[in-house]
Amino acid sequence: MRSYRKELWFETPTRRAFINITPQVQECLEASGIREGLVLCNAMHITASVFINDDEAGLHQDFEQWLEQLAPEKPYSRYRHNGYEDNGDAHLKRQIMGREVVVAVTGGTLDLGPWEQIFYGEFDGKRRKRVLVKIIGE
């Protein structure tokens, strides 16, 4: 069994963003040379997420509105966490959207469903953050 590790770095110009990282993850898989196994992608920051869903702009707007209803950014005073920071909402949004995904590798490709794509979700942007890609297999 072999393993491969790479960090993908992101810095969004906005507080919140959804970035399709499927092409970068596929590039990692190709670089690994692994043909059968598993890919783990996880956000290495507590205000960011990695999740799988459809790459459709309307759905992304729905996510944004739904998350903002569940955990509104403002007023900042609503969150006990917000003392030295103003990102209490981002911690909650990450918890809802999830930390990581695991995808099967079959024949050297990501074994995703017809509309499935891997996304990096940013909830407290404007600074550099990373996603770990760990691939194991043969």
Protein backbone atom coordinates (compact mmCIF):
# COMPACT_ATOMS: atom_id res chain seq x y z
CA MET A 1 0.00 0.00 0.00
CA ARG A 2 1.21 3.49 -0.88
CA SER A 3 0.24 6.91 0.41
CA TYR A 4 0.39 10.46 -0.90
CA ARG A 5 -0.10 13.78 0.91
CA LYS A 6 -0.53 17.30 -0.38
CA GLU A 7 -1.89 20.55 1.00
CA LEU A 8 -4.06 22.78 -1.19
CA TRP A 9 -3.99 26.45 -0.15
CA PHE A 10 -6.80 28.97 -0.60
CA GLU A 11 -7.28 32.64 0.16
CA THR A 12 -10.69 34.01 -0.76
CA PRO A 13 -11.26 37.75 -1.21
CA THR A 14 -14.66 37.42 0.48
CA ARG A 15 -15.76 36.21 3.91
CA ARG A 16 -17.70 33.28 2.43
CA ALA A 17 -17.12 31.27 -0.74
CA PHE A 18 -17.61 27.85 -2.29
CA ILE A 19 -14.75 26.64 -4.51
CA ASN A 20 -14.90 23.52 -6.67
CA ILE A 21 -11.65 21.69 -5.87
CA THR A 22 -12.41 18.51 -7.82
CA PRO A 23 -9.81 19.29 -10.54
CA GLN A 24 -7.06 19.89 -7.95
CA VAL A 25 -7.94 16.68 -6.11
CA GLN A 26 -7.88 14.73 -9.41
CA GLU A 27 -4.43 16.25 -10.13
CA CYS A 28 -3.26 15.01 -6.72
CA LEU A 29 -4.59 11.56 -7.54
CA GLU A 30 -2.75 11.52 -10.87
CA ALA A 31 0.48 12.67 -9.18
CA SER A 32 0.14 9.90 -6.59
CA GLY A 33 0.05 7.13 -9.18
CA ILE A 34 -2.53 5.33 -7.06
CA ARG A 35 -5.15 3.51 -9.15
CA GLU A 36 -7.29 1.84 -6.44
CA GLY A 37 -7.87 3.22 -2.95
CA LEU A 38 -9.32 6.16 -1.07
CA VAL A 39 -8.90 9.93 -1.10
CA LEU A 40 -9.46 11.91 2.10
CA CYS A 41 -9.90 15.69 1.78
CA ASN A 42 -10.29 17.69 4.95
CA ALA A 43 -10.28 21.34 5.88
CA MET A 44 -7.41 22.10 8.24
CA HIS A 45 -9.18 25.12 9.73
CA ILE A 46 -12.19 25.29 12.04
CA THR A 47 -14.00 27.92 9.97
CA ALA A 48 -13.78 26.08 6.64
CA SER A 49 -15.37 22.97 5.22
CA VAL A 50 -14.97 20.29 2.58
CA PHE A 51 -18.15 18.73 1.21
CA ILE A 52 -19.59 17.03 -1.87
CA ASN A 53 -22.52 18.37 -3.83
CA ASP A 54 -23.65 19.71 -7.21
CA ASP A 55 -21.75 22.58 -8.86
CA GLU A 56 -24.79 24.75 -9.53
CA ALA A 57 -24.86 28.49 -8.77
CA GLY A 58 -28.46 28.49 -7.56
CA LEU A 59 -27.71 25.72 -5.09
CA HIS A 60 -24.70 27.65 -3.80
CA GLN A 61 -26.92 30.69 -3.24
CA ASP A 62 -29.38 28.43 -1.43
CA PHE A 63 -26.56 27.17 0.82
CA GLU A 64 -25.53 30.75 1.55
CA GLN A 65 -29.07 31.85 2.45
CA TRP A 66 -29.81 28.72 4.48
CA LEU A 67 -26.57 28.94 6.45
CA GLU A 68 -27.11 32.65 7.09
CA GLN A 69 -30.59 31.90 8.47
CA LEU A 70 -29.21 29.19 10.75
CA ALA A 71 -26.15 31.13 11.92
CA PRO A 72 -26.30 34.82 10.90
CA GLU A 73 -22.99 36.65 10.78
CA LYS A 74 -24.39 39.68 12.61
CA PRO A 75 -24.94 40.92 15.21
CA TYR A 76 -21.51 39.76 16.35
CA SER A 77 -22.66 40.13 19.96
CA ARG A 78 -25.04 37.18 19.52
CA TYR A 79 -22.12 34.71 19.88
CA ARG A 80 -20.26 34.11 23.13
CA HIS A 81 -17.24 33.07 21.06
CA ASN A 82 -16.92 36.59 19.64
CA GLY A 83 -14.59 38.27 22.09
CA TYR A 84 -11.37 38.85 20.19
CA GLU A 85 -12.82 37.59 16.92
CA ASP A 86 -16.03 38.06 14.95
CA ASN A 87 -16.34 34.57 13.48
CA GLY A 88 -18.68 32.67 15.80
CA ASP A 89 -21.06 32.14 12.89
CA ALA A 90 -18.28 30.64 10.76
CA HIS A 91 -17.61 27.92 13.35
CA LEU A 92 -21.29 26.94 13.31
CA LYS A 93 -21.51 26.99 9.49
CA ARG A 94 -18.48 24.71 9.26
CA GLN A 95 -20.08 22.31 11.72
CA ILE A 96 -23.18 22.08 9.53
CA MET A 97 -21.33 21.65 6.21
CA GLY A 98 -18.77 19.19 7.55
CA ARG A 99 -15.04 18.82 7.92
CA GLU A 100 -14.09 16.21 5.33
CA VAL A 101 -15.00 13.84 2.54
CA VAL A 102 -13.72 10.42 1.55
CA VAL A 103 -13.94 9.38 -2.10
CA ALA A 104 -13.22 5.98 -3.59
CA VAL A 105 -10.53 5.72 -6.26
CA THR A 106 -11.29 3.33 -9.09
CA GLY A 107 -9.10 2.96 -12.14
CA GLY A 108 -7.12 6.06 -11.22
CA THR A 109 -10.15 8.36 -11.12
CA LEU A 110 -12.36 9.78 -8.40
CA ASP A 111 -15.39 7.50 -8.17
CA LEU A 112 -18.02 10.25 -7.89
CA GLY A 113 -21.70 10.17 -8.82
CA PRO A 114 -22.92 11.92 -11.99
CA TRP A 115 -23.29 15.40 -10.46
CA GLU A 116 -20.98 15.09 -7.46
CA GLN A 117 -18.11 17.54 -7.09
CA ILE A 118 -15.77 18.25 -4.16
CA PHE A 119 -15.97 21.74 -2.65
CA TYR A 120 -13.99 23.88 -0.28
CA GLY A 121 -16.38 25.99 1.78
CA GLU A 122 -14.99 29.17 3.30
CA PHE A 123 -16.91 30.88 6.11
CA ASP A 124 -14.32 33.31 7.50
CA GLY A 125 -12.17 34.24 4.51
CA LYS A 126 -9.67 36.87 3.53
CA ARG A 127 -6.78 34.83 4.91
CA ARG A 128 -4.78 31.83 3.78
CA LYS A 129 -6.15 28.39 4.69
CA ARG A 130 -5.46 24.83 3.60
CA VAL A 131 -7.09 21.55 2.70
CA LEU A 132 -5.27 18.28 3.27
CA VAL A 133 -5.47 15.69 0.49
CA LYS A 134 -4.38 12.22 1.68
CA ILE A 135 -4.53 9.32 -0.74
CA ILE A 136 -3.94 5.68 0.19
CA GLY A 137 -4.06 2.62 -2.01
CA GLU A 138 -2.24 0.74 -4.70
